Amino acid sequence: MRIRLTHHTTYDYERPARAINQRLRLPPRSHDGQRVIRWRVGFDVDAELRRGEDVLGNLAHTAFVRGPVSRLTITVA
C-alpha cells in the first residue's frame, strides 16, 4: 500500500521578520514496517535549505530565509 501525505505550516508575523532560521524535523524514518520513497520540503518564499541529521540520526533540515517576510508557508510531501 502507498500513502501520500502533505502537510502545510503557515506563519504570519505581526511585523515582517528580518530573517528566519528554522530547524525542521518532519520526514518520518524508514523501518521494517514502512519505507519512505520520496520526501520534499518546499517554501513559498526564497529559502536556502540544508539537509542533515540531528544527534539521534533523524533527518533534519535547516532553513534560512532572508526578509523582510510577513508570511511563510512550508509544505512537505
Protein backbone atom coordinates (compact mmCIF):
# COMPACT_ATOMS: atom_id res chain seq x y z
CA MET A 1 0.00 0.00 0.00
CA ARG A 2 1.24 3.50 -0.83
CA ILE A 3 0.25 6.54 1.16
CA ARG A 4 0.91 10.15 0.20
CA LEU A 5 0.97 12.79 2.93
CA THR A 6 1.05 16.55 2.50
CA HIS A 7 1.43 18.97 5.40
CA HIS A 8 1.34 22.80 5.29
CA THR A 9 2.54 25.07 8.08
CA THR A 10 1.93 28.81 7.75
CA TYR A 11 3.50 31.50 9.91
CA ASP A 12 2.04 35.03 9.92
CA TYR A 13 4.20 37.69 11.50
CA GLU A 14 2.68 40.84 13.02
CA ARG A 15 5.80 42.72 11.88
CA PRO A 16 7.84 41.44 8.95
CA ALA A 17 10.73 39.25 10.09
CA ARG A 18 14.17 40.44 9.02
CA ALA A 19 15.36 36.84 8.69
CA ILE A 20 14.17 33.35 9.63
CA ASN A 21 16.37 30.45 10.72
CA GLN A 22 14.41 27.28 11.43
CA ARG A 23 15.25 23.64 12.09
CA LEU A 24 12.73 21.21 10.57
CA ARG A 25 12.33 17.62 11.72
CA LEU A 26 9.45 16.48 9.57
CA PRO A 27 10.25 13.38 7.49
CA PRO A 28 9.44 10.00 9.03
CA ARG A 29 12.12 7.35 9.29
CA SER A 30 12.11 4.26 7.14
CA HIS A 31 11.99 0.99 9.12
CA ASP A 32 10.82 -2.62 8.70
CA GLY A 33 7.14 -1.62 8.62
CA GLN A 34 7.47 1.43 6.35
CA ARG A 35 9.71 2.71 3.60
CA VAL A 36 9.85 6.37 2.64
CA ILE A 37 10.21 6.55 -1.15
CA ARG A 38 10.27 10.34 -1.66
CA TRP A 39 10.16 13.36 0.58
CA ARG A 40 10.06 17.00 -0.47
CA VAL A 41 10.21 20.25 1.51
CA GLY A 42 9.03 23.45 -0.20
CA PHE A 43 8.69 27.12 0.70
CA ASP A 44 6.51 29.87 -0.78
CA VAL A 45 9.44 32.33 -0.48
CA ASP A 46 13.09 32.06 -1.48
CA ALA A 47 14.85 29.89 1.09
CA GLU A 48 18.16 28.15 1.48
CA LEU A 49 17.64 24.59 2.73
CA ARG A 50 20.39 22.40 4.16
CA ARG A 51 19.84 18.73 4.80
CA GLY A 52 21.48 16.92 7.70
CA GLU A 53 20.90 14.71 10.71
CA ASP A 54 20.26 15.56 14.33
CA VAL A 55 22.19 13.91 17.17
CA LEU A 56 19.77 10.94 17.17
CA GLY A 57 20.24 10.24 13.45
CA ASN A 58 16.89 11.71 12.40
CA LEU A 59 16.70 13.53 9.07
CA ALA A 60 16.57 17.26 9.74
CA HIS A 61 16.65 20.33 7.53
CA THR A 62 17.79 23.83 8.41
CA ALA A 63 16.03 26.63 6.54
CA PHE A 64 17.39 30.14 6.10
CA VAL A 65 15.07 32.86 4.77
CA ARG A 66 16.15 36.44 4.23
CA GLY A 67 13.49 39.04 4.95
CA PRO A 68 11.55 41.01 5.22
CA VAL A 69 8.95 38.25 5.40
CA SER A 70 5.42 38.82 6.72
CA ARG A 71 4.13 35.33 5.89
CA LEU A 72 5.84 31.98 5.37
CA THR A 73 4.32 28.67 4.30
CA ILE A 74 6.28 25.42 4.45
CA THR A 75 4.90 22.41 2.56
CA VAL A 76 6.19 18.89 2.99
CA ALA A 77 5.01 15.94 0.92
